[in-house]
Amino acid sequence: MPDGLVDADLSLPRSSPKRGKRVADVIVAAVLLVLVTPLLIVVAALVAMGLGRPVLFRQCRAGLHGQPFEMVKFRTMRPPNLNLGLVGDRDRLTPLGRWLRATSLDELPTLWNVLRGDMSLVGPRPLLPEYLSRYSPRQARRHEVRPGVTGLAQVRGRNSLSWEEKLEFDVRYVESHNLRVDLSILAATVRTVLRREGINAAGSATAPEFLGTPPRRPAPPQRDRTPA
């Protein structure tokens, strides 16, 4: 990981007004939803045949200022079943689900969240509400903007990053985002998806739970090495 978490072309002062960003989100999300409707129908049919109903996965996530909202995605996992040994994510994730995650097609329904105003096209990824109490004061700044379908952490390593690295990228985005930053992230997202990079964390089918950042221990006092 380079010393500079945000490249120079992404470290620009904030300039675009929030209203302009919201208008752009609505226009682009609406156009994309129209264009990908045939693909949405095909993916929905594949999920229905491979996993059954419901086709959509709905989960409460923390949004702007930590307010909860219901995020929608295509299902990629079977429901938990103790009798069949389907407990962990690795056991429940199907080949179809792995392919949907690898191609990010499972994220297409989140465009509806963008239209509703729950999310933005670019911003920190929406995480679980129970994480709110686990953030450090700096990490909690990620909720000063709407969560995004993609974000700086997604194009800098996605799930291959540690939680501390991902959350730091989120805060760096909050501190420096503008139109040029968002366009750079969207372009980088296309490359990341095509290369299928950072889909899973090491040793995990998805990503491990965020348990909080351990407080740093103070450095031990230096011993006086002056000869007697």
Protein backbone atom coordinates (compact mmCIF):
# COMPACT_ATOMS: atom_id res chain seq x y z
CA MET A 1 0.00 0.00 0.00
CA PRO A 2 1.57 3.33 -1.04
CA ASP A 3 2.09 6.05 1.52
CA GLY A 4 -0.43 8.34 -0.18
CA LEU A 5 -3.82 6.71 0.21
CA VAL A 6 -5.37 9.06 -2.33
CA ASP A 7 -3.56 9.73 -5.60
CA ALA A 8 -2.81 13.29 -6.57
CA ASP A 9 -5.56 13.40 -9.19
CA LEU A 10 -8.10 12.47 -6.50
CA SER A 11 -6.85 14.92 -3.86
CA LEU A 12 -8.73 17.96 -5.05
CA PRO A 13 -10.65 20.51 -2.99
CA ARG A 14 -14.37 19.99 -2.78
CA SER A 15 -16.13 22.14 -5.38
CA SER A 16 -19.33 20.57 -6.71
CA PRO A 17 -22.48 21.50 -4.74
CA LYS A 18 -24.50 18.72 -3.15
CA ARG A 19 -27.57 19.65 -5.19
CA GLY A 20 -25.66 19.22 -8.46
CA LYS A 21 -24.40 15.82 -7.36
CA ARG A 22 -27.92 14.71 -6.48
CA VAL A 23 -29.33 15.86 -9.83
CA ALA A 24 -26.57 14.01 -11.67
CA ASP A 25 -27.25 10.86 -9.60
CA VAL A 26 -30.95 10.91 -10.49
CA ILE A 27 -30.38 11.49 -14.21
CA VAL A 28 -27.64 8.88 -14.61
CA ALA A 29 -29.42 6.26 -12.45
CA ALA A 30 -32.68 6.73 -14.38
CA VAL A 31 -30.93 6.38 -17.75
CA LEU A 32 -28.99 3.33 -16.60
CA LEU A 33 -32.11 1.63 -15.25
CA VAL A 34 -33.81 2.05 -18.62
CA LEU A 35 -30.77 0.77 -20.51
CA VAL A 36 -30.19 -2.28 -18.30
CA THR A 37 -33.85 -3.32 -17.93
CA PRO A 38 -33.40 -6.32 -20.30
CA LEU A 39 -30.33 -7.37 -18.29
CA LEU A 40 -32.24 -6.98 -15.03
CA ILE A 41 -34.94 -9.31 -16.37
CA VAL A 42 -32.38 -11.93 -17.44
CA VAL A 43 -30.51 -11.84 -14.12
CA ALA A 44 -33.78 -11.99 -12.17
CA ALA A 45 -34.78 -15.09 -14.15
CA LEU A 46 -31.40 -16.74 -13.50
CA VAL A 47 -31.67 -16.05 -9.76
CA ALA A 48 -35.24 -17.36 -9.67
CA MET A 49 -34.21 -20.60 -11.39
CA GLY A 50 -30.96 -21.05 -9.47
CA LEU A 51 -31.93 -19.87 -5.99
CA GLY A 52 -35.69 -19.59 -6.03
CA ARG A 53 -37.66 -16.71 -4.59
CA PRO A 54 -37.30 -14.05 -3.42
CA VAL A 55 -35.07 -12.81 -6.23
CA LEU A 56 -33.98 -9.70 -4.35
CA PHE A 57 -31.90 -9.52 -1.20
CA ARG A 58 -33.00 -6.74 1.13
CA GLN A 59 -30.97 -5.59 4.11
CA CYS A 60 -30.95 -2.61 6.44
CA ARG A 61 -27.88 -0.42 5.98
CA ALA A 62 -26.69 2.87 7.49
CA GLY A 63 -26.90 5.83 5.13
CA LEU A 64 -26.40 9.58 5.28
CA HIS A 65 -25.84 10.71 8.90
CA GLY A 66 -26.24 7.05 9.93
CA GLN A 67 -29.94 6.95 9.04
CA PRO A 68 -31.13 3.40 8.22
CA PHE A 69 -32.46 2.44 4.79
CA GLU A 70 -33.27 -0.80 2.99
CA MET A 71 -30.69 -1.68 0.32
CA VAL A 72 -31.73 -4.04 -2.49
CA LYS A 73 -29.48 -6.39 -4.44
CA PHE A 74 -29.90 -9.63 -6.34
CA ARG A 75 -29.64 -12.70 -4.11
CA THR A 76 -26.36 -14.60 -4.31
CA MET A 77 -26.72 -17.02 -1.38
CA ARG A 78 -28.98 -19.83 -0.26
CA PRO A 79 -30.82 -19.21 3.04
CA PRO A 80 -29.16 -20.66 6.18
CA ASN A 81 -30.01 -24.31 6.79
CA LEU A 82 -28.46 -26.17 9.72
CA ASN A 83 -29.67 -29.57 8.45
CA LEU A 84 -27.85 -29.09 5.13
CA GLY A 85 -24.80 -27.50 6.72
CA LEU A 86 -25.50 -24.14 5.07
CA VAL A 87 -24.33 -21.81 7.81
CA GLY A 88 -21.38 -19.69 6.74
CA ASP A 89 -21.18 -17.44 3.70
CA ARG A 90 -18.78 -19.83 1.95
CA ASP A 91 -21.29 -22.69 2.21
CA ARG A 92 -24.29 -20.59 1.18
CA LEU A 93 -22.68 -18.83 -1.78
CA THR A 94 -23.59 -20.60 -5.04
CA PRO A 95 -21.62 -20.71 -8.31
CA LEU A 96 -24.23 -18.36 -9.78
CA GLY A 97 -23.80 -16.09 -6.77
CA ARG A 98 -20.02 -16.05 -7.18
CA TRP A 99 -20.42 -15.09 -10.84
CA LEU A 100 -22.90 -12.33 -10.00
CA ARG A 101 -20.53 -10.92 -7.39
CA ALA A 102 -17.50 -11.21 -9.66
CA THR A 103 -19.28 -9.26 -12.41
CA SER A 104 -21.02 -6.91 -9.92
CA LEU A 105 -24.35 -7.71 -11.60
CA ASP A 106 -25.83 -8.32 -8.15
CA GLU A 107 -25.45 -4.56 -7.52
CA LEU A 108 -27.72 -3.45 -10.39
CA PRO A 109 -30.87 -3.09 -8.21
CA THR A 110 -29.06 -0.55 -6.02
CA LEU A 111 -29.68 1.96 -8.83
CA TRP A 112 -33.20 2.06 -7.38
CA ASN A 113 -31.69 3.14 -4.06
CA VAL A 114 -29.92 5.95 -5.92
CA LEU A 115 -33.20 7.13 -7.43
CA ARG A 116 -34.88 7.05 -4.01
CA GLY A 117 -32.13 9.20 -2.51
CA ASP A 118 -30.82 6.50 -0.16
CA MET A 119 -27.52 6.29 -2.06
CA SER A 120 -25.32 8.10 -4.53
CA LEU A 121 -23.49 6.64 -7.52
CA VAL A 122 -20.17 7.37 -5.78
CA GLY A 123 -19.53 7.38 -2.05
CA PRO A 124 -18.52 5.10 0.83
CA ARG A 125 -20.18 1.70 0.57
CA PRO A 126 -23.24 1.35 2.87
CA LEU A 127 -22.47 -0.87 5.85
CA LEU A 128 -24.51 -2.45 8.63
CA PRO A 129 -26.10 -0.19 11.28
CA GLU A 130 -24.45 -2.14 14.10
CA TYR A 131 -21.07 -0.87 12.90
CA LEU A 132 -21.99 2.72 13.80
CA SER A 133 -20.94 2.33 17.44
CA ARG A 134 -17.68 0.64 16.42
CA TYR A 135 -16.23 3.48 14.35
CA SER A 136 -13.59 5.84 15.65
CA PRO A 137 -14.61 9.52 15.46
CA ARG A 138 -12.63 9.87 12.24
CA GLN A 139 -14.12 6.72 10.68
CA ALA A 140 -17.63 7.94 11.52
CA ARG A 141 -17.10 10.86 9.11
CA ARG A 142 -17.87 8.42 6.26
CA HIS A 143 -21.54 9.11 7.01
CA GLU A 144 -21.26 12.82 6.20
CA VAL A 145 -22.15 11.94 2.59
CA ARG A 146 -24.59 9.51 1.00
CA PRO A 147 -23.23 5.97 0.61
CA GLY A 148 -22.35 4.95 -2.93
CA VAL A 149 -22.78 2.11 -5.39
CA THR A 150 -19.02 2.41 -5.84
CA GLY A 151 -16.37 4.39 -4.02
CA LEU A 152 -12.70 5.14 -3.52
CA ALA A 153 -12.14 2.00 -1.43
CA GLN A 154 -13.69 -0.14 -4.20
CA VAL A 155 -11.15 1.05 -6.78
CA ARG A 156 -8.22 0.88 -4.36
CA GLY A 157 -8.54 -2.78 -3.45
CA ARG A 158 -12.15 -3.49 -2.48
CA ASN A 159 -12.31 -6.49 -0.11
CA SER A 160 -8.57 -7.18 -0.38
CA LEU A 161 -8.05 -4.16 1.90
CA SER A 162 -8.19 -4.29 5.67
CA TRP A 163 -11.13 -2.59 7.36
CA GLU A 164 -8.85 0.20 8.57
CA GLU A 165 -7.65 0.86 5.02
CA LYS A 166 -11.17 0.81 3.56
CA LEU A 167 -12.54 3.19 6.18
CA GLU A 168 -9.59 5.54 5.75
CA PHE A 169 -10.27 5.67 2.00
CA ASP A 170 -13.90 6.48 2.81
CA VAL A 171 -12.87 9.44 4.95
CA ARG A 172 -10.37 10.63 2.35
CA TYR A 173 -13.22 10.66 -0.16
CA VAL A 174 -15.40 12.73 2.19
CA GLU A 175 -12.56 15.21 2.58
CA SER A 176 -11.75 15.64 -1.12
CA HIS A 177 -14.70 14.65 -3.33
CA ASN A 178 -15.86 16.73 -6.28
CA LEU A 179 -17.07 16.08 -9.83
CA ARG A 180 -13.63 15.21 -11.15
CA VAL A 181 -13.03 12.79 -8.28
CA ASP A 182 -16.38 11.07 -8.92
CA LEU A 183 -15.72 10.73 -12.65
CA SER A 184 -12.27 9.28 -11.93
CA ILE A 185 -13.76 6.73 -9.52
CA LEU A 186 -16.50 5.72 -11.99
CA ALA A 187 -13.90 5.17 -14.74
CA ALA A 188 -11.69 3.18 -12.36
CA THR A 189 -14.72 1.11 -11.29
CA VAL A 190 -15.22 -0.13 -14.85
CA ARG A 191 -11.60 -1.31 -14.96
CA THR A 192 -11.88 -2.96 -11.53
CA VAL A 193 -15.06 -4.84 -12.48
CA LEU A 194 -13.63 -6.02 -15.81
CA ARG A 195 -10.50 -7.28 -14.07
CA ARG A 196 -12.58 -8.81 -11.25
CA GLU A 197 -10.18 -7.50 -8.62
CA GLY A 198 -10.59 -7.57 -4.83
CA ILE A 199 -13.88 -9.49 -4.83
CA ASN A 200 -13.20 -11.44 -1.64
CA ALA A 201 -11.15 -10.86 1.47
CA ALA A 202 -8.30 -13.30 2.10
CA GLY A 203 -9.69 -16.51 3.59
CA SER A 204 -13.30 -15.32 3.31
CA ALA A 205 -16.09 -15.84 0.78
CA THR A 206 -17.11 -12.20 1.16
CA ALA A 207 -15.71 -9.88 3.84
CA PRO A 208 -15.23 -10.44 7.58
CA GLU A 209 -17.31 -8.56 10.13
CA PHE A 210 -15.99 -5.19 11.25
CA LEU A 211 -15.40 -5.43 14.99
CA GLY A 212 -13.87 -2.01 15.48
CA THR A 213 -10.36 -0.64 15.31
CA PRO A 214 -8.26 -1.54 18.37
CA PRO A 215 -6.89 1.56 20.12
CA ARG A 216 -3.22 2.17 19.52
CA ARG A 217 -0.98 1.28 22.42
CA PRO A 218 1.32 4.06 23.60
CA ALA A 219 4.96 3.61 22.66
CA PRO A 220 7.06 2.20 25.49
CA PRO A 221 9.28 4.76 27.23
CA GLN A 222 12.82 4.96 25.91
CA ARG A 223 15.44 3.70 28.30
CA ASP A 224 18.37 5.93 29.11
CA ARG A 225 21.31 4.26 27.39
CA THR A 226 23.82 6.86 28.60
CA PRO A 227 26.84 4.99 30.03
CA ALA A 228 27.23 5.34 33.77
